[in-house]
């Protein structure tokens, strides 16, 4: 997906599987290139774990993102959508 950044949802979790505190979440998102000035759409392979990213963004103080629930499975299956190799 053009403009996409990779931040696995597991990077938002403590070892006990609870979510990191807001400051730590904010730092992870900033390191991935997220800013409050640009809208964010979360996605994943099937649309499920993208919701964890969205929750983390809100908990970190960013504006509420959109969730692309079709995610990579739908995007990759459509011949007209752009694909970018990184």
C-alpha atoms as a PDB file:
ATOM      1  CA  UNK A   1       0.000   0.000   0.000  1.00  0.00           C
ATOM      2  CA  UNK A   2       1.604   3.306  -0.992  1.00  0.00           C
ATOM      3  CA  UNK A   3       2.507   5.406   2.045  1.00  0.00           C
ATOM      4  CA  UNK A   4       2.104   2.498   4.449  1.00  0.00           C
ATOM      5  CA  UNK A   5       4.279   2.025   7.516  1.00  0.00           C
ATOM      6  CA  UNK A   6       4.760  -1.238   9.366  1.00  0.00           C
ATOM      7  CA  UNK A   7       4.070  -1.351  13.093  1.00  0.00           C
ATOM      8  CA  UNK A   8       3.070  -4.821  14.314  1.00  0.00           C
ATOM      9  CA  UNK A   9       0.355  -4.729  16.956  1.00  0.00           C
ATOM     10  CA  UNK A  10       2.587  -6.823  19.219  1.00  0.00           C
ATOM     11  CA  UNK A  11       4.900  -3.795  19.496  1.00  0.00           C
ATOM     12  CA  UNK A  12       2.116  -2.075  21.448  1.00  0.00           C
ATOM     13  CA  UNK A  13       1.923  -4.744  24.131  1.00  0.00           C
ATOM     14  CA  UNK A  14       3.705  -5.442  27.385  1.00  0.00           C
ATOM     15  CA  UNK A  15       5.043  -8.967  28.038  1.00  0.00           C
ATOM     16  CA  UNK A  16       1.806  -9.775  29.905  1.00  0.00           C
ATOM     17  CA  UNK A  17      -0.175  -8.817  26.759  1.00  0.00           C
ATOM     18  CA  UNK A  18      -1.600  -5.607  28.268  1.00  0.00           C
ATOM     19  CA  UNK A  19      -1.254  -2.412  26.257  1.00  0.00           C
ATOM     20  CA  UNK A  20       1.733  -0.142  26.847  1.00  0.00           C
ATOM     21  CA  UNK A  21       1.180   3.113  28.709  1.00  0.00           C
ATOM     22  CA  UNK A  22       0.156   6.155  26.606  1.00  0.00           C
ATOM     23  CA  UNK A  23       3.646   7.725  26.559  1.00  0.00           C
ATOM     24  CA  UNK A  24       5.278   4.506  25.344  1.00  0.00           C
ATOM     25  CA  UNK A  25       2.562   4.054  22.717  1.00  0.00           C
ATOM     26  CA  UNK A  26       3.042   7.619  21.521  1.00  0.00           C
ATOM     27  CA  UNK A  27       6.781   7.038  21.150  1.00  0.00           C
ATOM     28  CA  UNK A  28       6.209   3.853  19.102  1.00  0.00           C
ATOM     29  CA  UNK A  29       3.812   5.609  16.746  1.00  0.00           C
ATOM     30  CA  UNK A  30       6.082   8.633  16.312  1.00  0.00           C
ATOM     31  CA  UNK A  31       8.993   6.295  15.523  1.00  0.00           C
ATOM     32  CA  UNK A  32       6.801   4.703  12.828  1.00  0.00           C
ATOM     33  CA  UNK A  33       6.169   8.133  11.273  1.00  0.00           C
ATOM     34  CA  UNK A  34       2.724   8.933  12.673  1.00  0.00           C
ATOM     35  CA  UNK A  35       1.867  12.586  13.267  1.00  0.00           C
ATOM     36  CA  UNK A  36      -1.344  14.174  14.531  1.00  0.00           C
ATOM     37  CA  UNK A  37      -1.439  16.319  11.382  1.00  0.00           C
ATOM     38  CA  UNK A  38      -1.912  13.451   8.930  1.00  0.00           C
ATOM     39  CA  UNK A  39      -4.925  11.130   8.972  1.00  0.00           C
ATOM     40  CA  UNK A  40      -4.171   7.497   9.712  1.00  0.00           C
ATOM     41  CA  UNK A  41      -5.875   4.389   8.364  1.00  0.00           C
ATOM     42  CA  UNK A  42      -4.915   1.191  10.132  1.00  0.00           C
ATOM     43  CA  UNK A  43      -4.809  -2.127   8.324  1.00  0.00           C
ATOM     44  CA  UNK A  44      -3.455  -5.625   8.748  1.00  0.00           C
ATOM     45  CA  UNK A  45      -3.741  -8.950   6.989  1.00  0.00           C
ATOM     46  CA  UNK A  46      -7.441  -9.508   7.622  1.00  0.00           C
ATOM     47  CA  UNK A  47      -8.747  -6.393   9.402  1.00  0.00           C
ATOM     48  CA  UNK A  48      -8.787  -7.739  12.957  1.00  0.00           C
ATOM     49  CA  UNK A  49      -5.507  -6.618  14.528  1.00  0.00           C
ATOM     50  CA  UNK A  50      -5.817  -3.204  12.861  1.00  0.00           C
ATOM     51  CA  UNK A  51      -8.334  -2.465  15.623  1.00  0.00           C
ATOM     52  CA  UNK A  52      -5.602  -2.911  18.244  1.00  0.00           C
ATOM     53  CA  UNK A  53      -3.503  -0.328  16.401  1.00  0.00           C
ATOM     54  CA  UNK A  54      -6.473   2.050  16.318  1.00  0.00           C
ATOM     55  CA  UNK A  55      -7.048   1.637  20.045  1.00  0.00           C
ATOM     56  CA  UNK A  56      -3.348   2.275  20.666  1.00  0.00           C
ATOM     57  CA  UNK A  57      -3.445   5.457  18.581  1.00  0.00           C
ATOM     58  CA  UNK A  58      -6.371   6.845  20.558  1.00  0.00           C
ATOM     59  CA  UNK A  59      -4.802   5.809  23.869  1.00  0.00           C
ATOM     60  CA  UNK A  60      -1.589   7.572  22.776  1.00  0.00           C
ATOM     61  CA  UNK A  61      -3.483  10.814  22.162  1.00  0.00           C
ATOM     62  CA  UNK A  62      -3.680  10.770  18.368  1.00  0.00           C
ATOM     63  CA  UNK A  63      -6.904  11.550  16.490  1.00  0.00           C
ATOM     64  CA  UNK A  64      -9.191   8.586  15.996  1.00  0.00           C
ATOM     65  CA  UNK A  65      -8.058   6.691  12.879  1.00  0.00           C
ATOM     66  CA  UNK A  66     -10.083   4.857  10.280  1.00  0.00           C
ATOM     67  CA  UNK A  67      -9.828   1.071  10.068  1.00  0.00           C
ATOM     68  CA  UNK A  68      -9.544  -0.471   6.611  1.00  0.00           C
ATOM     69  CA  UNK A  69     -11.377  -3.666   7.431  1.00  0.00           C
ATOM     70  CA  UNK A  70     -10.721  -5.225   4.028  1.00  0.00           C
ATOM     71  CA  UNK A  71      -7.034  -4.798   4.774  1.00  0.00           C
ATOM     72  CA  UNK A  72      -4.203  -6.410   2.849  1.00  0.00           C
ATOM     73  CA  UNK A  73      -6.261  -9.427   1.808  1.00  0.00           C
ATOM     74  CA  UNK A  74      -8.705  -7.242  -0.111  1.00  0.00           C
ATOM     75  CA  UNK A  75      -6.111  -4.699  -1.314  1.00  0.00           C
ATOM     76  CA  UNK A  76      -3.761  -7.323  -2.743  1.00  0.00           C
ATOM     77  CA  UNK A  77      -6.594  -9.164  -4.451  1.00  0.00           C
ATOM     78  CA  UNK A  78      -7.652  -6.150  -6.511  1.00  0.00           C
ATOM     79  CA  UNK A  79      -5.597  -5.665  -9.693  1.00  0.00           C
ATOM     80  CA  UNK A  80      -6.269  -1.890  -9.820  1.00  0.00           C
ATOM     81  CA  UNK A  81      -4.805  -1.091  -6.397  1.00  0.00           C
ATOM     82  CA  UNK A  82      -1.195   0.087  -6.209  1.00  0.00           C
ATOM     83  CA  UNK A  83       1.381  -2.174  -4.621  1.00  0.00           C
ATOM     84  CA  UNK A  84       4.761  -0.882  -3.456  1.00  0.00           C
ATOM     85  CA  UNK A  85       7.706  -3.083  -2.540  1.00  0.00           C
ATOM     86  CA  UNK A  86       9.882  -1.803   0.282  1.00  0.00           C
END
